[in-house]
PDB file of N, CA and C in Angstrom:
ATOM      1  N   MET A   1     140.785  82.407  81.123  1.00  0.00           N
ATOM      2  CA  MET A   1     140.929  82.547  82.464  1.00  0.00           C
ATOM      3  C   MET A   1     139.980  82.945  83.279  1.00  0.00           C
ATOM      4  N   ARG A   2     139.266  83.910  82.813  1.00  0.00           N
ATOM      5  CA  ARG A   2     138.120  84.343  83.637  1.00  0.00           C
ATOM      6  C   ARG A   2     136.963  83.158  84.188  1.00  0.00           C
ATOM      7  N   LYS A   3     137.108  82.431  83.064  1.00  0.00           N
ATOM      8  CA  LYS A   3     135.906  81.492  83.192  1.00  0.00           C
ATOM      9  C   LYS A   3     136.472  80.308  84.505  1.00  0.00           C
ATOM     10  N   MET A   4     137.828  80.076  84.240  1.00  0.00           N
ATOM     11  CA  MET A   4     138.359  79.294  85.334  1.00  0.00           C
ATOM     12  C   MET A   4     138.016  80.081  86.665  1.00  0.00           C
ATOM     13  N   ILE A   5     138.284  81.371  86.547  1.00  0.00           N
ATOM     14  CA  ILE A   5     138.026  81.825  87.850  1.00  0.00           C
ATOM     15  C   ILE A   5     136.563  81.675  88.551  1.00  0.00           C
ATOM     16  N   LEU A   6     135.703  82.096  87.687  1.00  0.00           N
ATOM     17  CA  LEU A   6     134.448  81.881  87.792  1.00  0.00           C
ATOM     18  C   LEU A   6     134.055  80.472  88.382  1.00  0.00           C
ATOM     19  N   ILE A   7     134.370  79.495  87.571  1.00  0.00           N
ATOM     20  CA  ILE A   7     134.166  77.894  88.184  1.00  0.00           C
ATOM     21  C   ILE A   7     134.615  77.699  89.450  1.00  0.00           C
ATOM     22  N   MET A   8     136.074  78.432  89.639  1.00  0.00           N
ATOM     23  CA  MET A   8     136.694  78.359  91.020  1.00  0.00           C
ATOM     24  C   MET A   8     135.793  78.904  92.009  1.00  0.00           C
ATOM     25  N   ALA A   9     135.478  80.124  91.657  1.00  0.00           N
ATOM     26  CA  ALA A   9     134.484  80.878  92.999  1.00  0.00           C
ATOM     27  C   ALA A   9     133.311  79.958  93.229  1.00  0.00           C
ATOM     28  N   THR A  10     132.512  79.631  91.872  1.00  0.00           N
ATOM     29  CA  THR A  10     131.488  78.895  92.149  1.00  0.00           C
ATOM     30  C   THR A  10     131.436  77.774  93.156  1.00  0.00           C
ATOM     31  N   MET A  11     132.296  76.776  92.624  1.00  0.00           N
ATOM     32  CA  MET A  11     132.776  75.726  93.649  1.00  0.00           C
ATOM     33  C   MET A  11     133.152  75.817  94.910  1.00  0.00           C
ATOM     34  N   PHE A  12     133.814  76.820  94.855  1.00  0.00           N
ATOM     35  CA  PHE A  12     134.154  77.456  96.458  1.00  0.00           C
ATOM     36  C   PHE A  12     132.783  77.721  97.445  1.00  0.00           C
ATOM     37  N   PHE A  13     131.988  78.420  96.730  1.00  0.00           N
ATOM     38  CA  PHE A  13     131.062  79.014  97.198  1.00  0.00           C
ATOM     39  C   PHE A  13     129.769  78.031  97.578  1.00  0.00           C
ATOM     40  N   LEU A  14     129.828  77.060  96.465  1.00  0.00           N
ATOM     41  CA  LEU A  14     128.932  75.769  96.783  1.00  0.00           C
ATOM     42  C   LEU A  14     129.268  74.826  97.841  1.00  0.00           C
ATOM     43  N   ASN A  15     130.561  74.794  97.766  1.00  0.00           N
ATOM     44  CA  ASN A  15     131.097  73.862  98.857  1.00  0.00           C
ATOM     45  C   ASN A  15     130.805  74.316 100.284  1.00  0.00           C
ATOM     46  N   SER A  16     131.075  75.882 100.250  1.00  0.00           N
ATOM     47  CA  SER A  16     131.003  75.882 101.679  1.00  0.00           C
ATOM     48  C   SER A  16     129.594  76.229 102.167  1.00  0.00           C
ATOM     49  N   LEU A  17     128.594  76.199 101.192  1.00  0.00           N
ATOM     50  CA  LEU A  17     127.371  76.465 101.791  1.00  0.00           C
ATOM     51  C   LEU A  17     126.292  75.289 101.520  1.00  0.00           C
ATOM     52  N   TYR A  18     126.925  74.102 101.530  1.00  0.00           N
ATOM     53  CA  TYR A  18     126.089  72.662 101.235  1.00  0.00           C
ATOM     54  C   TYR A  18     125.837  72.322 102.912  1.00  0.00           C
ATOM     55  N   ALA A  19     125.391  73.114 103.692  1.00  0.00           N
ATOM     56  CA  ALA A  19     124.684  72.763 104.757  1.00  0.00           C
ATOM     57  C   ALA A  19     123.107  72.630 104.698  1.00  0.00           C
ATOM     58  N   GLN A  20     122.675  72.270 105.964  1.00  0.00           N
ATOM     59  CA  GLN A  20     121.130  72.059 106.242  1.00  0.00           C
ATOM     60  C   GLN A  20     120.659  73.236 105.360  1.00  0.00           C
ATOM     61  N   GLU A  21     119.666  72.905 104.639  1.00  0.00           N
ATOM     62  CA  GLU A  21     118.714  73.990 103.790  1.00  0.00           C
ATOM     63  C   GLU A  21     117.619  74.219 104.946  1.00  0.00           C
ATOM     64  N   LYS A  22     117.246  75.570 105.149  1.00  0.00           N
ATOM     65  CA  LYS A  22     116.276  76.315 105.833  1.00  0.00           C
ATOM     66  C   LYS A  22     115.196  76.592 105.078  1.00  0.00           C
ATOM     67  N   LYS A  23     114.005  76.709 105.536  1.00  0.00           N
ATOM     68  CA  LYS A  23     112.801  76.976 104.762  1.00  0.00           C
ATOM     69  C   LYS A  23     112.617  78.635 104.655  1.00  0.00           C
ATOM     70  N   VAL A  24     112.843  79.163 103.723  1.00  0.00           N
ATOM     71  CA  VAL A  24     112.896  80.548 103.593  1.00  0.00           C
ATOM     72  C   VAL A  24     111.307  81.128 103.517  1.00  0.00           C
ATOM     73  N   ASN A  25     111.110  82.322 104.532  1.00  0.00           N
ATOM     74  CA  ASN A  25     109.672  82.405 104.355  1.00  0.00           C
ATOM     75  C   ASN A  25     109.324  83.097 103.047  1.00  0.00           C
ATOM     76  N   SER A  26     107.713  83.032 103.061  1.00  0.00           N
ATOM     77  CA  SER A  26     107.174  83.661 101.897  1.00  0.00           C
ATOM     78  C   SER A  26     107.581  85.063 101.036  1.00  0.00           C
ATOM     79  N   ALA A  27     107.774  85.960 102.374  1.00  0.00           N
ATOM     80  CA  ALA A  27     107.812  87.376 101.867  1.00  0.00           C
ATOM     81  C   ALA A  27     109.464  87.203 101.422  1.00  0.00           C
ATOM     82  N   ASP A  28     110.518  86.479 101.728  1.00  0.00           N
ATOM     83  CA  ASP A  28     111.658  86.311 101.015  1.00  0.00           C
ATOM     84  C   ASP A  28     111.834  85.875  99.583  1.00  0.00           C
ATOM     85  N   ASP A  29     110.671  84.827  99.621  1.00  0.00           N
ATOM     86  CA  ASP A  29     110.624  84.136  98.165  1.00  0.00           C
ATOM     87  C   ASP A  29     109.871  85.343  97.370  1.00  0.00           C
ATOM     88  N   SER A  30     109.091  86.180  97.700  1.00  0.00           N
ATOM     89  CA  SER A  30     108.319  87.015  96.911  1.00  0.00           C
ATOM     90  C   SER A  30     109.326  88.259  96.713  1.00  0.00           C
ATOM     91  N   LEU A  31     110.256  88.790  97.454  1.00  0.00           N
ATOM     92  CA  LEU A  31     110.950  89.639  97.135  1.00  0.00           C
ATOM     93  C   LEU A  31     111.986  88.956  96.077  1.00  0.00           C
ATOM     94  N   LYS A  32     112.757  87.825  96.631  1.00  0.00           N
ATOM     95  CA  LYS A  32     113.651  87.446  95.522  1.00  0.00           C
ATOM     96  C   LYS A  32     113.009  87.359  94.036  1.00  0.00           C
ATOM     97  N   GLU A  33     112.000  86.856  94.020  1.00  0.00           N
ATOM     98  CA  GLU A  33     110.926  86.697  92.702  1.00  0.00           C
ATOM     99  C   GLU A  33     110.983  88.123  91.936  1.00  0.00           C
ATOM    100  N   THR A  34     110.619  88.935  92.545  1.00  0.00           N
ATOM    101  CA  THR A  34     110.583  90.500  92.418  1.00  0.00           C
ATOM    102  C   THR A  34     112.175  90.708  91.675  1.00  0.00           C
ATOM    103  N   ILE A  35     112.970  91.022  92.485  1.00  0.00           N
ATOM    104  CA  ILE A  35     114.304  91.239  91.958  1.00  0.00           C
ATOM    105  C   ILE A  35     114.748  90.431  90.970  1.00  0.00           C
ATOM    106  N   TYR A  36     114.305  89.177  90.819  1.00  0.00           N
ATOM    107  CA  TYR A  36     114.742  88.307  89.510  1.00  0.00           C
ATOM    108  C   TYR A  36     114.198  89.222  88.446  1.00  0.00           C
ATOM    109  N   ASN A  37     112.622  88.924  88.486  1.00  0.00           N
ATOM    110  CA  ASN A  37     112.042  89.505  87.320  1.00  0.00           C
ATOM    111  C   ASN A  37     112.536  90.956  87.029  1.00  0.00           C
ATOM    112  N   ALA A  38     112.860  91.871  87.791  1.00  0.00           N
ATOM    113  CA  ALA A  38     113.266  93.158  87.293  1.00  0.00           C
ATOM    114  C   ALA A  38     114.512  93.406  86.725  1.00  0.00           C
ATOM    115  N   ASN A  39     115.279  92.301  86.913  1.00  0.00           N
ATOM    116  CA  ASN A  39     116.694  92.268  86.837  1.00  0.00           C
ATOM    117  C   ASN A  39     117.146  91.342  85.801  1.00  0.00           C
ATOM    118  N   LYS A  40     116.310  90.187  85.445  1.00  0.00           N
ATOM    119  CA  LYS A  40     116.691  89.195  84.489  1.00  0.00           C
ATOM    120  C   LYS A  40     117.290  89.752  83.095  1.00  0.00           C
ATOM    121  N   LYS A  41     116.730  90.509  82.376  1.00  0.00           N
ATOM    122  CA  LYS A  41     117.076  91.182  81.209  1.00  0.00           C
ATOM    123  C   LYS A  41     118.313  91.938  81.120  1.00  0.00           C
ATOM    124  N   THR A  42     118.457  92.702  82.198  1.00  0.00           N
ATOM    125  CA  THR A  42     119.945  93.386  82.238  1.00  0.00           C
ATOM    126  C   THR A  42     120.900  92.485  82.582  1.00  0.00           C
ATOM    127  N   VAL A  43     120.631  91.710  83.685  1.00  0.00           N
ATOM    128  CA  VAL A  43     121.636  90.894  84.170  1.00  0.00           C
ATOM    129  C   VAL A  43     122.197  89.694  82.910  1.00  0.00           C
ATOM    130  N   THR A  44     121.402  89.293  82.268  1.00  0.00           N
ATOM    131  CA  THR A  44     121.628  88.601  80.936  1.00  0.00           C
ATOM    132  C   THR A  44     122.539  89.098  79.988  1.00  0.00           C
ATOM    133  N   ASN A  45     122.361  90.573  79.935  1.00  0.00           N
ATOM    134  CA  ASN A  45     123.370  91.044  79.078  1.00  0.00           C
ATOM    135  C   ASN A  45     124.708  91.322  79.717  1.00  0.00           C
ATOM    136  N   PHE A  46     124.830  91.174  80.980  1.00  0.00           N
ATOM    137  CA  PHE A  46     126.267  91.619  81.797  1.00  0.00           C
ATOM    138  C   PHE A  46     127.310  91.040  81.017  1.00  0.00           C
ATOM    139  N   THR A  47     128.565  91.694  80.738  1.00  0.00           N
ATOM    140  CA  THR A  47     129.688  90.877  80.426  1.00  0.00           C
ATOM    141  C   THR A  47     130.336  90.494  81.551  1.00  0.00           C
ATOM    142  N   ILE A  48     131.391  89.831  81.391  1.00  0.00           N
ATOM    143  CA  ILE A  48     132.102  89.384  82.361  1.00  0.00           C
ATOM    144  C   ILE A  48     132.890  90.262  83.252  1.00  0.00           C
ATOM    145  N   LYS A  49     133.074  91.329  82.885  1.00  0.00           N
ATOM    146  CA  LYS A  49     133.470  92.787  83.617  1.00  0.00           C
ATOM    147  C   LYS A  49     132.437  93.074  84.395  1.00  0.00           C
ATOM    148  N   ASP A  50     131.266  93.274  83.713  1.00  0.00           N
ATOM    149  CA  ASP A  50     130.307  93.645  84.713  1.00  0.00           C
ATOM    150  C   ASP A  50     129.868  92.654  85.758  1.00  0.00           C
ATOM    151  N   PHE A  51     130.076  91.381  85.550  1.00  0.00           N
ATOM    152  CA  PHE A  51     129.705  90.622  86.691  1.00  0.00           C
ATOM    153  C   PHE A  51     130.913  90.618  87.452  1.00  0.00           C
ATOM    154  N   ASP A  52     132.129  90.464  87.081  1.00  0.00           N
ATOM    155  CA  ASP A  52     133.201  91.019  87.979  1.00  0.00           C
ATOM    156  C   ASP A  52     133.182  91.835  89.268  1.00  0.00           C
ATOM    157  N   LYS A  53     132.609  93.039  88.478  1.00  0.00           N
ATOM    158  CA  LYS A  53     132.422  94.367  89.366  1.00  0.00           C
ATOM    159  C   LYS A  53     131.252  93.895  90.554  1.00  0.00           C
ATOM    160  N   LEU A  54     130.033  93.650  90.170  1.00  0.00           N
ATOM    161  CA  LEU A  54     128.878  92.958  90.913  1.00  0.00           C
ATOM    162  C   LEU A  54     129.530  92.211  91.866  1.00  0.00           C
ATOM    163  N   PHE A  55     130.315  91.022  91.569  1.00  0.00           N
ATOM    164  CA  PHE A  55     130.639  89.882  92.307  1.00  0.00           C
ATOM    165  C   PHE A  55     131.561  90.391  93.547  1.00  0.00           C
ATOM    166  N   PHE A  56     132.616  90.773  93.310  1.00  0.00           N
ATOM    167  CA  PHE A  56     133.559  91.526  94.125  1.00  0.00           C
ATOM    168  C   PHE A  56     132.990  92.534  94.668  1.00  0.00           C
ATOM    169  N   GLU A  57     132.107  93.403  94.247  1.00  0.00           N
ATOM    170  CA  GLU A  57     131.653  94.603  95.355  1.00  0.00           C
ATOM    171  C   GLU A  57     130.735  93.819  96.403  1.00  0.00           C
ATOM    172  N   PHE A  58     130.046  92.859  95.951  1.00  0.00           N
ATOM    173  CA  PHE A  58     129.121  92.260  96.919  1.00  0.00           C
ATOM    174  C   PHE A  58     130.107  91.658  98.096  1.00  0.00           C
ATOM    175  N   PHE A  59     131.191  90.783  97.702  1.00  0.00           N
ATOM    176  CA  PHE A  59     132.166  90.376  98.617  1.00  0.00           C
ATOM    177  C   PHE A  59     132.631  91.416  99.477  1.00  0.00           C
ATOM    178  N   GLN A  60     132.825  92.660  98.960  1.00  0.00           N
ATOM    179  CA  GLN A  60     133.682  93.405  99.770  1.00  0.00           C
ATOM    180  C   GLN A  60     132.499  94.075 100.931  1.00  0.00           C
ATOM    181  N   LYS A  61     131.629  94.125 100.271  1.00  0.00           N
ATOM    182  CA  LYS A  61     130.491  94.861 101.247  1.00  0.00           C
ATOM    183  C   LYS A  61     130.057  93.991 102.310  1.00  0.00           C
ATOM    184  N   LYS A  62     129.765  92.522 101.796  1.00  0.00           N
ATOM    185  CA  LYS A  62     129.557  91.484 102.890  1.00  0.00           C
ATOM    186  C   LYS A  62     130.633  91.296 103.736  1.00  0.00           C
ATOM    187  N   SER A  63     131.778  91.604 103.565  1.00  0.00           N
ATOM    188  CA  SER A  63     132.919  91.447 104.637  1.00  0.00           C
ATOM    189  C   SER A  63     133.423  92.415 105.530  1.00  0.00           C
ATOM    190  N   ASP A  64     132.767  93.682 105.323  1.00  0.00           N
ATOM    191  CA  ASP A  64     133.109  94.833 105.697  1.00  0.00           C
ATOM    192  C   ASP A  64     132.211  94.837 107.107  1.00  0.00           C
ATOM    193  N   ASN A  65     132.795  94.784 107.929  1.00  0.00           N
ATOM    194  CA  ASN A  65     132.144  94.940 109.405  1.00  0.00           C
ATOM    195  C   ASN A  65     131.634  96.025 109.710  1.00  0.00           C
ATOM    196  N   ASN A  66     131.868  97.254 109.440  1.00  0.00           N
ATOM    197  CA  ASN A  66     130.932  98.418 109.554  1.00  0.00           C
ATOM    198  C   ASN A  66     129.653  98.432 108.686  1.00  0.00           C
ATOM    199  N   LEU A  67     129.635  97.736 107.877  1.00  0.00           N
ATOM    200  CA  LEU A  67     128.207  97.755 106.919  1.00  0.00           C
ATOM    201  C   LEU A  67     127.572  96.723 107.086  1.00  0.00           C
ATOM    202  N   ILE A  68     126.179  96.675 106.893  1.00  0.00           N
ATOM    203  CA  ILE A  68     125.200  95.826 107.049  1.00  0.00           C
ATOM    204  C   ILE A  68     124.091  96.234 105.835  1.00  0.00           C
ATOM    205  N   LEU A  69     124.494  95.170 105.027  1.00  0.00           N
ATOM    206  CA  LEU A  69     123.519  95.370 103.709  1.00  0.00           C
ATOM    207  C   LEU A  69     121.932  95.158 104.291  1.00  0.00           C
ATOM    208  N   THR A  70     121.140  95.929 103.573  1.00  0.00           N
ATOM    209  CA  THR A  70     119.337  95.702 103.909  1.00  0.00           C
ATOM    210  C   THR A  70     119.438  94.280 103.096  1.00  0.00           C
ATOM    211  N   LYS A  71     118.074  93.861 103.653  1.00  0.00           N
ATOM    212  CA  LYS A  71     117.607  92.583 102.740  1.00  0.00           C
ATOM    213  C   LYS A  71     117.455  93.062 101.493  1.00  0.00           C
ATOM    214  N   GLU A  72     116.780  94.190 101.122  1.00  0.00           N
ATOM    215  CA  GLU A  72     116.966  94.394  99.506  1.00  0.00           C
ATOM    216  C   GLU A  72     118.147  94.280  98.876  1.00  0.00           C
ATOM    217  N   GLU A  73     119.266  95.077  99.416  1.00  0.00           N
ATOM    218  CA  GLU A  73     120.447  95.002  98.709  1.00  0.00           C
ATOM    219  C   GLU A  73     121.306  93.502  98.765  1.00  0.00           C
ATOM    220  N   PHE A  74     120.744  92.939 100.156  1.00  0.00           N
ATOM    221  CA  PHE A  74     121.597  91.610 100.154  1.00  0.00           C
ATOM    222  C   PHE A  74     120.985  90.796  98.871  1.00  0.00           C
ATOM    223  N   TYR A  75     119.581  90.347  98.681  1.00  0.00           N
ATOM    224  CA  TYR A  75     118.997  89.624  97.807  1.00  0.00           C
ATOM    225  C   TYR A  75     119.331  90.368  96.244  1.00  0.00           C
ATOM    226  N   SER A  76     119.458  91.505  96.074  1.00  0.00           N
ATOM    227  CA  SER A  76     119.780  92.054  94.848  1.00  0.00           C
ATOM    228  C   SER A  76     120.995  91.599  94.407  1.00  0.00           C
ATOM    229  N   TYR A  77     121.962  91.612  95.238  1.00  0.00           N
ATOM    230  CA  TYR A  77     123.407  91.093  94.996  1.00  0.00           C
ATOM    231  C   TYR A  77     123.198  89.480  94.628  1.00  0.00           C
ATOM    232  N   THR A  78     122.570  88.905  95.550  1.00  0.00           N
ATOM    233  CA  THR A  78     122.605  87.594  95.415  1.00  0.00           C
ATOM    234  C   THR A  78     121.642  86.864  94.076  1.00  0.00           C
ATOM    235  N   ILE A  79     120.963  87.576  93.737  1.00  0.00           N
ATOM    236  CA  ILE A  79     119.976  87.299  92.604  1.00  0.00           C
ATOM    237  C   ILE A  79     120.786  87.686  91.382  1.00  0.00           C
ATOM    238  N   LYS A  80     121.525  88.886  91.377  1.00  0.00           N
ATOM    239  CA  LYS A  80     121.839  89.101  90.221  1.00  0.00           C
ATOM    240  C   LYS A  80     122.827  87.908  90.014  1.00  0.00           C
ATOM    241  N   ILE A  81     123.714  87.301  90.958  1.00  0.00           N
ATOM    242  CA  ILE A  81     124.614  86.627  90.478  1.00  0.00           C
ATOM    243  C   ILE A  81     124.000  85.189  90.165  1.00  0.00           C
ATOM    244  N   ALA A  82     122.772  85.074  90.784  1.00  0.00           N
ATOM    245  CA  ALA A  82     122.247  83.799  90.519  1.00  0.00           C
ATOM    246  C   ALA A  82     121.740  84.118  88.734  1.00  0.00           C
ATOM    247  N   ILE A  83     121.429  84.900  88.538  1.00  0.00           N
ATOM    248  CA  ILE A  83     120.952  85.165  87.377  1.00  0.00           C
ATOM    249  C   ILE A  83     121.868  85.010  86.134  1.00  0.00           C
ATOM    250  N   PHE A  84     123.262  85.532  86.481  1.00  0.00           N
ATOM    251  CA  PHE A  84     124.281  85.617  85.542  1.00  0.00           C
ATOM    252  C   PHE A  84     124.866  84.131  85.272  1.00  0.00           C
ATOM    253  N   SER A  85     124.136  83.168  86.203  1.00  0.00           N
ATOM    254  CA  SER A  85     124.492  81.582  85.920  1.00  0.00           C
ATOM    255  C   SER A  85     124.027  81.168  84.593  1.00  0.00           C
ATOM    256  N   ASP A  86     122.645  81.862  84.369  1.00  0.00           N
ATOM    257  CA  ASP A  86     121.754  81.619  83.286  1.00  0.00           C
ATOM    258  C   ASP A  86     122.872  82.002  82.056  1.00  0.00           C
ATOM    259  N   ARG A  87     123.419  82.976  82.117  1.00  0.00           N
ATOM    260  CA  ARG A  87     124.395  83.591  81.075  1.00  0.00           C
ATOM    261  C   ARG A  87     125.462  82.580  80.647  1.00  0.00           C
ATOM    262  N   LEU A  88     125.796  82.112  81.982  1.00  0.00           N
ATOM    263  CA  LEU A  88     127.169  81.353  81.721  1.00  0.00           C
ATOM    264  C   LEU A  88     126.921  79.859  81.184  1.00  0.00           C
ATOM    265  N   ALA A  89     125.470  79.671  81.401  1.00  0.00           N
ATOM    266  CA  ALA A  89     125.251  78.092  80.803  1.00  0.00           C
ATOM    267  C   ALA A  89     124.745  78.271  79.530  1.00  0.00           C
ATOM    268  N   ALA A  90     124.495  79.694  78.780  1.00  0.00           N
ATOM    269  CA  ALA A  90     124.572  79.889  77.436  1.00  0.00           C
ATOM    270  C   ALA A  90     125.922  79.997  76.843  1.00  0.00           C
ATOM    271  N   LEU A  91     126.594  80.460  77.475  1.00  0.00           N
ATOM    272  CA  LEU A  91     128.217  80.676  76.825  1.00  0.00           C
ATOM    273  C   LEU A  91     128.921  79.507  76.986  1.00  0.00           C
ATOM    274  N   TYR A  92     128.751  78.574  77.906  1.00  0.00           N
ATOM    275  CA  TYR A  92     129.633  77.373  78.087  1.00  0.00           C
ATOM    276  C   TYR A  92     128.591  76.188  78.415  1.00  0.00           C
ATOM    277  N   PRO A  93     127.954  75.587  77.110  1.00  0.00           N
ATOM    278  CA  PRO A  93     127.166  74.593  77.541  1.00  0.00           C
ATOM    279  C   PRO A  93     127.542  73.329  78.022  1.00  0.00           C
ATOM    280  N   ALA A  94     129.016  73.190  78.144  1.00  0.00           N
ATOM    281  CA  ALA A  94     129.429  72.069  78.714  1.00  0.00           C
ATOM    282  C   ALA A  94     129.698  72.102  80.440  1.00  0.00           C
ATOM    283  N   GLU A  95     129.319  73.519  80.840  1.00  0.00           N
ATOM    284  CA  GLU A  95     129.369  74.030  82.220  1.00  0.00           C
ATOM    285  C   GLU A  95     127.810  74.153  82.712  1.00  0.00           C
ATOM    286  N   LYS A  96     126.846  73.721  81.855  1.00  0.00           N
ATOM    287  CA  LYS A  96     125.362  73.768  81.834  1.00  0.00           C
ATOM    288  C   LYS A  96     124.826  73.525  83.562  1.00  0.00           C
ATOM    289  N   GLN A  97     125.333  72.309  83.913  1.00  0.00           N
ATOM    290  CA  GLN A  97     125.316  71.923  85.181  1.00  0.00           C
ATOM    291  C   GLN A  97     125.671  72.419  86.333  1.00  0.00           C
ATOM    292  N   THR A  98     126.930  73.144  86.223  1.00  0.00           N
ATOM    293  CA  THR A  98     127.646  73.754  86.935  1.00  0.00           C
ATOM    294  C   THR A  98     126.840  75.181  87.199  1.00  0.00           C
ATOM    295  N   ALA A  99     126.543  75.678  86.146  1.00  0.00           N
ATOM    296  CA  ALA A  99     125.609  76.816  86.384  1.00  0.00           C
ATOM    297  C   ALA A  99     124.634  76.753  86.819  1.00  0.00           C
ATOM    298  N   ALA A 100     123.698  75.622  86.510  1.00  0.00           N
ATOM    299  CA  ALA A 100     122.431  75.506  87.669  1.00  0.00           C
ATOM    300  C   ALA A 100     122.486  75.145  89.050  1.00  0.00           C
ATOM    301  N   GLU A 101     123.744  74.680  89.479  1.00  0.00           N
ATOM    302  CA  GLU A 101     124.029  74.531  90.809  1.00  0.00           C
ATOM    303  C   GLU A 101     124.168  75.759  91.335  1.00  0.00           C
ATOM    304  N   SER A 102     125.171  76.731  90.538  1.00  0.00           N
ATOM    305  CA  SER A 102     125.428  77.982  91.300  1.00  0.00           C
ATOM    306  C   SER A 102     124.152  78.753  91.280  1.00  0.00           C
ATOM    307  N   LYS A 103     123.383  78.760  90.472  1.00  0.00           N
ATOM    308  CA  LYS A 103     121.883  79.441  90.361  1.00  0.00           C
ATOM    309  C   LYS A 103     120.989  79.231  91.690  1.00  0.00           C
ATOM    310  N   LYS A 104     121.328  77.763  91.770  1.00  0.00           N
ATOM    311  CA  LYS A 104     120.233  77.087  92.674  1.00  0.00           C
ATOM    312  C   LYS A 104     120.824  77.480  94.346  1.00  0.00           C
ATOM    313  N   LYS A 105     122.439  77.626  94.204  1.00  0.00           N
ATOM    314  CA  LYS A 105     122.864  78.131  95.623  1.00  0.00           C
ATOM    315  C   LYS A 105     122.745  79.292  95.885  1.00  0.00           C
ATOM    316  N   TRP A 106     122.905  80.448  94.925  1.00  0.00           N
ATOM    317  CA  TRP A 106     122.456  81.680  94.721  1.00  0.00           C
ATOM    318  C   TRP A 106     121.265  82.223  95.237  1.00  0.00           C
ATOM    319  N   PHE A 107     120.259  81.122  95.161  1.00  0.00           N
ATOM    320  CA  PHE A 107     119.077  81.506  95.126  1.00  0.00           C
ATOM    321  C   PHE A 107     118.372  81.333  96.475  1.00  0.00           C
ATOM    322  N   ALA A 108     119.161  80.451  96.972  1.00  0.00           N
ATOM    323  CA  ALA A 108     119.041  79.590  98.477  1.00  0.00           C
ATOM    324  C   ALA A 108     119.925  80.559  99.255  1.00  0.00           C
ATOM    325  N   GLU A 109     120.782  81.609  99.150  1.00  0.00           N
ATOM    326  CA  GLU A 109     121.260  82.506 100.064  1.00  0.00           C
ATOM    327  C   GLU A 109     120.012  83.048 100.838  1.00  0.00           C
ATOM    328  N   ASN A 110     120.365  83.229 102.391  1.00  0.00           N
ATOM    329  CA  ASN A 110     119.392  83.422 103.291  1.00  0.00           C
ATOM    330  C   ASN A 110     119.974  84.773 103.889  1.00  0.00           C
ATOM    331  N   TYR A 111     119.001  85.827 104.039  1.00  0.00           N
ATOM    332  CA  TYR A 111     119.276  87.181 104.797  1.00  0.00           C
ATOM    333  C   TYR A 111     119.669  86.836 106.255  1.00  0.00           C
ATOM    334  N   GLU A 112     118.733  86.080 106.800  1.00  0.00           N
ATOM    335  CA  GLU A 112     119.131  86.183 108.418  1.00  0.00           C
ATOM    336  C   GLU A 112     120.312  85.159 108.278  1.00  0.00           C
ATOM    337  N   ASP A 113     120.544  84.471 107.561  1.00  0.00           N
ATOM    338  CA  ASP A 113     122.443  83.694 107.905  1.00  0.00           C
ATOM    339  C   ASP A 113     123.096  84.889 107.751  1.00  0.00           C
ATOM    340  N   TYR A 114     123.243  85.584 106.561  1.00  0.00           N
ATOM    341  CA  TYR A 114     124.185  86.673 106.551  1.00  0.00           C
ATOM    342  C   TYR A 114     124.126  87.724 107.955  1.00  0.00           C
ATOM    343  N   LEU A 115     122.944  88.075 108.332  1.00  0.00           N
ATOM    344  CA  LEU A 115     123.230  88.701 109.647  1.00  0.00           C
ATOM    345  C   LEU A 115     123.509  88.107 110.985  1.00  0.00           C
ATOM    346  N   LEU A 116     123.224  86.493 110.870  1.00  0.00           N
ATOM    347  CA  LEU A 116     123.901  85.799 111.835  1.00  0.00           C
ATOM    348  C   LEU A 116     125.922  85.729 111.821  1.00  0.00           C
ATOM    349  N   SER A 117     125.989  86.011 110.234  1.00  0.00           N
ATOM    350  CA  SER A 117     127.678  85.933 110.016  1.00  0.00           C
ATOM    351  C   SER A 117     128.011  87.133 110.633  1.00  0.00           C
ATOM    352  N   LYS A 118     127.461  88.105 110.181  1.00  0.00           N
ATOM    353  CA  LYS A 118     127.717  89.350 110.890  1.00  0.00           C
ATOM    354  C   LYS A 118     127.965  89.495 112.287  1.00  0.00           C
ATOM    355  N   GLN A 119     127.246  88.951 113.084  1.00  0.00           N
ATOM    356  CA  GLN A 119     127.123  88.822 114.399  1.00  0.00           C
ATOM    357  C   GLN A 119     128.339  88.099 114.739  1.00  0.00           C
ATOM    358  N   ASN A 120     128.509  87.138 114.353  1.00  0.00           N
ATOM    359  CA  ASN A 120     129.804  86.075 114.637  1.00  0.00           C
ATOM    360  C   ASN A 120     131.184  86.965 114.123  1.00  0.00           C
ATOM    361  N   GLN A 121     131.026  87.471 113.065  1.00  0.00           N
ATOM    362  CA  GLN A 121     132.455  88.301 112.774  1.00  0.00           C
ATOM    363  C   GLN A 121     132.472  89.652 113.821  1.00  0.00           C
ATOM    364  N   LYS A 122     131.712  90.140 114.379  1.00  0.00           N
ATOM    365  CA  LYS A 122     131.926  91.130 115.633  1.00  0.00           C
ATOM    366  C   LYS A 122     132.492  90.538 116.689  1.00  0.00           C
ATOM    367  N   LYS A 123     132.216  89.436 116.958  1.00  0.00           N
ATOM    368  CA  LYS A 123     132.723  88.548 118.039  1.00  0.00           C
ATOM    369  C   LYS A 123     134.498  88.499 118.253  1.00  0.00           C
TER     370      LYS A 123
END
């Protein structure tokens, strides 16, 4: 059941963000890499329950009109979600391609796009 929910959520977000790719500046790339390296071991050992908590916490905060995540907070969530895709690929080898696409999508998340979406929510 949870596998199906994760796959459906992944597909939904993949489809919603297959827009034109933007070049992320090197400062963001460096920050993402730092967060990835700092959290890889911990997140790879997450249970589905830990991941669900992280995933839903991120979307609650992201959709809260009264809260704007810092760049570090935003990338911390997106990179942790990307890292968990590696765990899903290991647990479900048949879903390896979906997990790889999900990881790529979460790494491609952009803080500036998030800020623009926040401005649009307020209008």
